[in-house]
Amino acid sequence: MNLPDDLAQQRTALATALLTLQEQMVPIYDAADGMRADLQSRGWSPASAEQAALTWLCAAINMTWQPQG
């Protein structure tokens, strides 16, 4: 067993998994940004729109990680 090679493989696997996760989260982030912009265009204050979008974003991310079934 060559420890440096194993460690390098683990680092590569972790980096790949994190990049994949980042790509999969983009639609959720985009939806939250769109929600915030839409609420502001409807007359919501920037702070209120941001809070509502953040609440939705947190719930969406939480649902993403909940076990299905």
PDB file of N, CA and C in Angstrom:
ATOM      1  N   MET A   1       0.857  -1.180   0.000  1.00  0.00           N
ATOM      2  CA  MET A   1       0.000   0.000   0.000  1.00  0.00           C
ATOM      3  C   MET A   1       0.898   1.236   0.000  1.00  0.00           C
ATOM      4  N   ASN A   2       0.660   2.077  -0.958  1.00  0.00           N
ATOM      5  CA  ASN A   2       1.430   3.309  -1.063  1.00  0.00           C
ATOM      6  C   ASN A   2       0.568   4.453  -0.555  1.00  0.00           C
ATOM      7  N   LEU A   3       0.829   4.895   0.644  1.00  0.00           N
ATOM      8  CA  LEU A   3      -0.020   5.891   1.300  1.00  0.00           C
ATOM      9  C   LEU A   3      -0.177   7.180   0.495  1.00  0.00           C
ATOM     10  N   PRO A   4       0.892   7.759  -0.037  1.00  0.00           N
ATOM     11  CA  PRO A   4       0.705   8.991  -0.807  1.00  0.00           C
ATOM     12  C   PRO A   4      -0.222   8.806  -2.011  1.00  0.00           C
ATOM     13  N   ASP A   5      -0.123   7.642  -2.698  1.00  0.00           N
ATOM     14  CA  ASP A   5      -1.015   7.395  -3.835  1.00  0.00           C
ATOM     15  C   ASP A   5      -2.463   7.257  -3.381  1.00  0.00           C
ATOM     16  N   ASP A   6      -2.676   6.544  -2.274  1.00  0.00           N
ATOM     17  CA  ASP A   6      -4.035   6.387  -1.750  1.00  0.00           C
ATOM     18  C   ASP A   6      -4.607   7.732  -1.330  1.00  0.00           C
ATOM     19  N   LEU A   7      -3.794   8.529  -0.686  1.00  0.00           N
ATOM     20  CA  LEU A   7      -4.243   9.848  -0.252  1.00  0.00           C
ATOM     21  C   LEU A   7      -4.574  10.728  -1.453  1.00  0.00           C
ATOM     22  N   ALA A   8      -3.766  10.663  -2.473  1.00  0.00           N
ATOM     23  CA  ALA A   8      -4.021  11.440  -3.687  1.00  0.00           C
ATOM     24  C   ALA A   8      -5.321  10.984  -4.345  1.00  0.00           C
ATOM     25  N   GLN A   9      -5.567   9.686  -4.374  1.00  0.00           N
ATOM     26  CA  GLN A   9      -6.808   9.166  -4.952  1.00  0.00           C
ATOM     27  C   GLN A   9      -8.023   9.628  -4.147  1.00  0.00           C
ATOM     28  N   GLN A  10      -7.894   9.604  -2.832  1.00  0.00           N
ATOM     29  CA  GLN A  10      -8.998  10.058  -1.980  1.00  0.00           C
ATOM     30  C   GLN A  10      -9.263  11.548  -2.181  1.00  0.00           C
ATOM     31  N   ARG A  11      -8.209  12.329  -2.287  1.00  0.00           N
ATOM     32  CA  ARG A  11      -8.370  13.764  -2.519  1.00  0.00           C
ATOM     33  C   ARG A  11      -9.037  14.023  -3.859  1.00  0.00           C
ATOM     34  N   THR A  12      -8.635  13.279  -4.867  1.00  0.00           N
ATOM     35  CA  THR A  12      -9.232  13.432  -6.194  1.00  0.00           C
ATOM     36  C   THR A  12     -10.713  13.054  -6.156  1.00  0.00           C
ATOM     37  N   ALA A  13     -11.038  11.973  -5.488  1.00  0.00           N
ATOM     38  CA  ALA A  13     -12.432  11.539  -5.376  1.00  0.00           C
ATOM     39  C   ALA A  13     -13.262  12.574  -4.634  1.00  0.00           C
ATOM     40  N   LEU A  14     -12.717  13.127  -3.564  1.00  0.00           N
ATOM     41  CA  LEU A  14     -13.440  14.151  -2.799  1.00  0.00           C
ATOM     42  C   LEU A  14     -13.652  15.402  -3.644  1.00  0.00           C
ATOM     43  N   ALA A  15     -12.608  15.841  -4.325  1.00  0.00           N
ATOM     44  CA  ALA A  15     -12.729  17.035  -5.169  1.00  0.00           C
ATOM     45  C   ALA A  15     -13.766  16.828  -6.272  1.00  0.00           C
ATOM     46  N   THR A  16     -13.773  15.656  -6.869  1.00  0.00           N
ATOM     47  CA  THR A  16     -14.753  15.340  -7.919  1.00  0.00           C
ATOM     48  C   THR A  16     -16.168  15.347  -7.353  1.00  0.00           C
ATOM     49  N   ALA A  17     -16.344  14.758  -6.182  1.00  0.00           N
ATOM     50  CA  ALA A  17     -17.673  14.722  -5.558  1.00  0.00           C
ATOM     51  C   ALA A  17     -18.158  16.133  -5.223  1.00  0.00           C
ATOM     52  N   LEU A  18     -17.264  16.983  -4.726  1.00  0.00           N
ATOM     53  CA  LEU A  18     -17.653  18.358  -4.383  1.00  0.00           C
ATOM     54  C   LEU A  18     -18.006  19.164  -5.628  1.00  0.00           C
ATOM     55  N   LEU A  19     -17.276  18.966  -6.709  1.00  0.00           N
ATOM     56  CA  LEU A  19     -17.601  19.661  -7.961  1.00  0.00           C
ATOM     57  C   LEU A  19     -18.950  19.188  -8.508  1.00  0.00           C
ATOM     58  N   THR A  20     -19.210  17.900  -8.411  1.00  0.00           N
ATOM     59  CA  THR A  20     -20.499  17.364  -8.851  1.00  0.00           C
ATOM     60  C   THR A  20     -21.632  17.954  -8.020  1.00  0.00           C
ATOM     61  N   LEU A  21     -21.430  18.016  -6.717  1.00  0.00           N
ATOM     62  CA  LEU A  21     -22.439  18.605  -5.830  1.00  0.00           C
ATOM     63  C   LEU A  21     -22.686  20.064  -6.196  1.00  0.00           C
ATOM     64  N   GLN A  22     -21.623  20.799  -6.429  1.00  0.00           N
ATOM     65  CA  GLN A  22     -21.755  22.211  -6.791  1.00  0.00           C
ATOM     66  C   GLN A  22     -22.582  22.363  -8.068  1.00  0.00           C
ATOM     67  N   GLU A  23     -22.318  21.534  -9.060  1.00  0.00           N
ATOM     68  CA  GLU A  23     -23.080  21.598 -10.312  1.00  0.00           C
ATOM     69  C   GLU A  23     -24.553  21.294 -10.078  1.00  0.00           C
ATOM     70  N   GLN A  24     -24.837  20.327  -9.218  1.00  0.00           N
ATOM     71  CA  GLN A  24     -26.219  19.932  -8.974  1.00  0.00           C
ATOM     72  C   GLN A  24     -26.993  20.964  -8.170  1.00  0.00           C
ATOM     73  N   MET A  25     -26.293  21.823  -7.442  1.00  0.00           N
ATOM     74  CA  MET A  25     -26.955  22.844  -6.634  1.00  0.00           C
ATOM     75  C   MET A  25     -27.276  24.107  -7.429  1.00  0.00           C
ATOM     76  N   VAL A  26     -26.664  24.297  -8.579  1.00  0.00           N
ATOM     77  CA  VAL A  26     -26.839  25.523  -9.355  1.00  0.00           C
ATOM     78  C   VAL A  26     -28.312  25.822  -9.646  1.00  0.00           C
ATOM     79  N   PRO A  27     -29.129  24.855 -10.078  1.00  0.00           N
ATOM     80  CA  PRO A  27     -30.540  25.191 -10.336  1.00  0.00           C
ATOM     81  C   PRO A  27     -31.288  25.693  -9.099  1.00  0.00           C
ATOM     82  N   ILE A  28     -30.936  25.169  -7.933  1.00  0.00           N
ATOM     83  CA  ILE A  28     -31.591  25.615  -6.702  1.00  0.00           C
ATOM     84  C   ILE A  28     -31.185  27.057  -6.391  1.00  0.00           C
ATOM     85  N   TYR A  29     -29.895  27.347  -6.520  1.00  0.00           N
ATOM     86  CA  TYR A  29     -29.429  28.719  -6.288  1.00  0.00           C
ATOM     87  C   TYR A  29     -30.052  29.686  -7.298  1.00  0.00           C
ATOM     88  N   ASP A  30     -30.124  29.260  -8.557  1.00  0.00           N
ATOM     89  CA  ASP A  30     -30.720  30.119  -9.593  1.00  0.00           C
ATOM     90  C   ASP A  30     -32.195  30.393  -9.307  1.00  0.00           C
ATOM     91  N   ALA A  31     -32.904  29.375  -8.844  1.00  0.00           N
ATOM     92  CA  ALA A  31     -34.318  29.558  -8.518  1.00  0.00           C
ATOM     93  C   ALA A  31     -34.488  30.553  -7.371  1.00  0.00           C
ATOM     94  N   ALA A  32     -33.636  30.459  -6.367  1.00  0.00           N
ATOM     95  CA  ALA A  32     -33.715  31.399  -5.240  1.00  0.00           C
ATOM     96  C   ALA A  32     -33.404  32.823  -5.706  1.00  0.00           C
ATOM     97  N   ASP A  33     -32.398  32.969  -6.562  1.00  0.00           N
ATOM     98  CA  ASP A  33     -32.087  34.304  -7.107  1.00  0.00           C
ATOM     99  C   ASP A  33     -33.254  34.858  -7.905  1.00  0.00           C
ATOM    100  N   GLY A  34     -33.874  33.994  -8.710  1.00  0.00           N
ATOM    101  CA  GLY A  34     -35.032  34.423  -9.499  1.00  0.00           C
ATOM    102  C   GLY A  34     -36.209  34.799  -8.622  1.00  0.00           C
ATOM    103  N   MET A  35     -36.413  34.041  -7.554  1.00  0.00           N
ATOM    104  CA  MET A  35     -37.502  34.348  -6.625  1.00  0.00           C
ATOM    105  C   MET A  35     -37.278  35.715  -5.979  1.00  0.00           C
ATOM    106  N   ARG A  36     -36.058  35.956  -5.542  1.00  0.00           N
ATOM    107  CA  ARG A  36     -35.736  37.246  -4.922  1.00  0.00           C
ATOM    108  C   ARG A  36     -35.977  38.394  -5.901  1.00  0.00           C
ATOM    109  N   ALA A  37     -35.502  38.239  -7.131  1.00  0.00           N
ATOM    110  CA  ALA A  37     -35.682  39.287  -8.135  1.00  0.00           C
ATOM    111  C   ALA A  37     -37.163  39.505  -8.449  1.00  0.00           C
ATOM    112  N   ASP A  38     -37.919  38.416  -8.536  1.00  0.00           N
ATOM    113  CA  ASP A  38     -39.350  38.530  -8.820  1.00  0.00           C
ATOM    114  C   ASP A  38     -40.076  39.246  -7.693  1.00  0.00           C
ATOM    115  N   LEU A  39     -39.765  38.900  -6.470  1.00  0.00           N
ATOM    116  CA  LEU A  39     -40.420  39.558  -5.337  1.00  0.00           C
ATOM    117  C   LEU A  39     -40.091  41.051  -5.307  1.00  0.00           C
ATOM    118  N   GLN A  40     -38.828  41.392  -5.587  1.00  0.00           N
ATOM    119  CA  GLN A  40     -38.465  42.808  -5.626  1.00  0.00           C
ATOM    120  C   GLN A  40     -39.200  43.537  -6.745  1.00  0.00           C
ATOM    121  N   SER A  41     -39.356  42.878  -7.892  1.00  0.00           N
ATOM    122  CA  SER A  41     -40.068  43.521  -9.006  1.00  0.00           C
ATOM    123  C   SER A  41     -41.547  43.703  -8.690  1.00  0.00           C
ATOM    124  N   ARG A  42     -42.057  42.950  -7.738  1.00  0.00           N
ATOM    125  CA  ARG A  42     -43.457  43.072  -7.317  1.00  0.00           C
ATOM    126  C   ARG A  42     -43.625  44.070  -6.178  1.00  0.00           C
ATOM    127  N   GLY A  43     -42.530  44.745  -5.832  1.00  0.00           N
ATOM    128  CA  GLY A  43     -42.623  45.787  -4.828  1.00  0.00           C
ATOM    129  C   GLY A  43     -42.139  45.421  -3.437  1.00  0.00           C
ATOM    130  N   TRP A  44     -41.661  44.206  -3.261  1.00  0.00           N
ATOM    131  CA  TRP A  44     -41.124  43.832  -1.961  1.00  0.00           C
ATOM    132  C   TRP A  44     -39.838  44.603  -1.725  1.00  0.00           C
ATOM    133  N   SER A  45     -39.558  44.909  -0.483  1.00  0.00           N
ATOM    134  CA  SER A  45     -38.286  45.545  -0.163  1.00  0.00           C
ATOM    135  C   SER A  45     -37.161  44.540  -0.419  1.00  0.00           C
ATOM    136  N   PRO A  46     -35.971  45.030  -0.733  1.00  0.00           N
ATOM    137  CA  PRO A  46     -34.856  44.100  -0.955  1.00  0.00           C
ATOM    138  C   PRO A  46     -34.596  43.181   0.239  1.00  0.00           C
ATOM    139  N   ALA A  47     -34.702  43.702   1.445  1.00  0.00           N
ATOM    140  CA  ALA A  47     -34.461  42.876   2.635  1.00  0.00           C
ATOM    141  C   ALA A  47     -35.526  41.788   2.785  1.00  0.00           C
ATOM    142  N   SER A  48     -36.783  42.145   2.546  1.00  0.00           N
ATOM    143  CA  SER A  48     -37.864  41.159   2.665  1.00  0.00           C
ATOM    144  C   SER A  48     -37.763  40.096   1.577  1.00  0.00           C
ATOM    145  N   ALA A  49     -37.451  40.521   0.361  1.00  0.00           N
ATOM    146  CA  ALA A  49     -37.294  39.573  -0.746  1.00  0.00           C
ATOM    147  C   ALA A  49     -36.133  38.624  -0.478  1.00  0.00           C
ATOM    148  N   GLU A  50     -35.046  39.171   0.036  1.00  0.00           N
ATOM    149  CA  GLU A  50     -33.873  38.352   0.357  1.00  0.00           C
ATOM    150  C   GLU A  50     -34.205  37.339   1.445  1.00  0.00           C
ATOM    151  N   GLN A  51     -34.923  37.762   2.468  1.00  0.00           N
ATOM    152  CA  GLN A  51     -35.284  36.862   3.562  1.00  0.00           C
ATOM    153  C   GLN A  51     -36.199  35.746   3.077  1.00  0.00           C
ATOM    154  N   ALA A  52     -37.183  36.082   2.271  1.00  0.00           N
ATOM    155  CA  ALA A  52     -38.099  35.062   1.748  1.00  0.00           C
ATOM    156  C   ALA A  52     -37.352  34.070   0.858  1.00  0.00           C
ATOM    157  N   ALA A  53     -36.480  34.575  -0.010  1.00  0.00           N
ATOM    158  CA  ALA A  53     -35.715  33.697  -0.891  1.00  0.00           C
ATOM    159  C   ALA A  53     -34.757  32.825  -0.088  1.00  0.00           C
ATOM    160  N   LEU A  54     -34.151  33.381   0.943  1.00  0.00           N
ATOM    161  CA  LEU A  54     -33.231  32.614   1.779  1.00  0.00           C
ATOM    162  C   LEU A  54     -33.963  31.508   2.528  1.00  0.00           C
ATOM    163  N   THR A  55     -35.144  31.817   3.027  1.00  0.00           N
ATOM    164  CA  THR A  55     -35.943  30.804   3.717  1.00  0.00           C
ATOM    165  C   THR A  55     -36.284  29.663   2.768  1.00  0.00           C
ATOM    166  N   TRP A  56     -36.705  30.019   1.544  1.00  0.00           N
ATOM    167  CA  TRP A  56     -37.016  29.002   0.539  1.00  0.00           C
ATOM    168  C   TRP A  56     -35.772  28.192   0.193  1.00  0.00           C
ATOM    169  N   LEU A  57     -34.642  28.874   0.009  1.00  0.00           N
ATOM    170  CA  LEU A  57     -33.394  28.196  -0.346  1.00  0.00           C
ATOM    171  C   LEU A  57     -32.999  27.185   0.731  1.00  0.00           C
ATOM    172  N   CYS A  58     -33.065  27.590   1.970  1.00  0.00           N
ATOM    173  CA  CYS A  58     -32.718  26.675   3.075  1.00  0.00           C
ATOM    174  C   CYS A  58     -33.632  25.459   3.084  1.00  0.00           C
ATOM    175  N   ALA A  59     -34.926  25.676   2.872  1.00  0.00           N
ATOM    176  CA  ALA A  59     -35.879  24.562   2.850  1.00  0.00           C
ATOM    177  C   ALA A  59     -35.607  23.648   1.655  1.00  0.00           C
ATOM    178  N   ALA A  60     -35.306  24.231   0.501  1.00  0.00           N
ATOM    179  CA  ALA A  60     -35.034  23.430  -0.689  1.00  0.00           C
ATOM    180  C   ALA A  60     -33.775  22.588  -0.505  1.00  0.00           C
ATOM    181  N   ILE A  61     -32.746  23.177   0.069  1.00  0.00           N
ATOM    182  CA  ILE A  61     -31.512  22.413   0.313  1.00  0.00           C
ATOM    183  C   ILE A  61     -31.771  21.323   1.336  1.00  0.00           C
ATOM    184  N   ASN A  62     -32.526  21.621   2.368  1.00  0.00           N
ATOM    185  CA  ASN A  62     -32.858  20.618   3.376  1.00  0.00           C
ATOM    186  C   ASN A  62     -33.631  19.451   2.755  1.00  0.00           C
ATOM    187  N   MET A  63     -34.602  19.758   1.895  1.00  0.00           N
ATOM    188  CA  MET A  63     -35.372  18.699   1.234  1.00  0.00           C
ATOM    189  C   MET A  63     -34.497  17.862   0.319  1.00  0.00           C
ATOM    190  N   THR A  64     -33.493  18.488  -0.272  1.00  0.00           N
ATOM    191  CA  THR A  64     -32.590  17.769  -1.163  1.00  0.00           C
ATOM    192  C   THR A  64     -31.843  16.676  -0.417  1.00  0.00           C
ATOM    193  N   TRP A  65     -31.522  16.926   0.846  1.00  0.00           N
ATOM    194  CA  TRP A  65     -30.725  15.977   1.615  1.00  0.00           C
ATOM    195  C   TRP A  65     -31.555  15.025   2.466  1.00  0.00           C
ATOM    196  N   GLN A  66     -32.868  15.191   2.478  1.00  0.00           N
ATOM    197  CA  GLN A  66     -33.724  14.280   3.254  1.00  0.00           C
ATOM    198  C   GLN A  66     -33.837  12.940   2.541  1.00  0.00           C
ATOM    199  N   PRO A  67     -33.835  11.857   3.297  1.00  0.00           N
ATOM    200  CA  PRO A  67     -34.018  10.540   2.659  1.00  0.00           C
ATOM    201  C   PRO A  67     -35.383  10.449   2.004  1.00  0.00           C
ATOM    202  N   GLN A  68     -35.429   9.838   0.866  1.00  0.00           N
ATOM    203  CA  GLN A  68     -36.697   9.656   0.143  1.00  0.00           C
ATOM    204  C   GLN A  68     -37.358   8.365   0.578  1.00  0.00           C
ATOM    205  N   GLY A  69     -38.695   8.428   0.701  1.00  0.00           N
ATOM    206  CA  GLY A  69     -39.412   7.195   0.999  1.00  0.00           C
ATOM    207  C   GLY A  69     -40.103   7.198   2.243  1.00  0.00           C
TER     208      GLY A  69
END
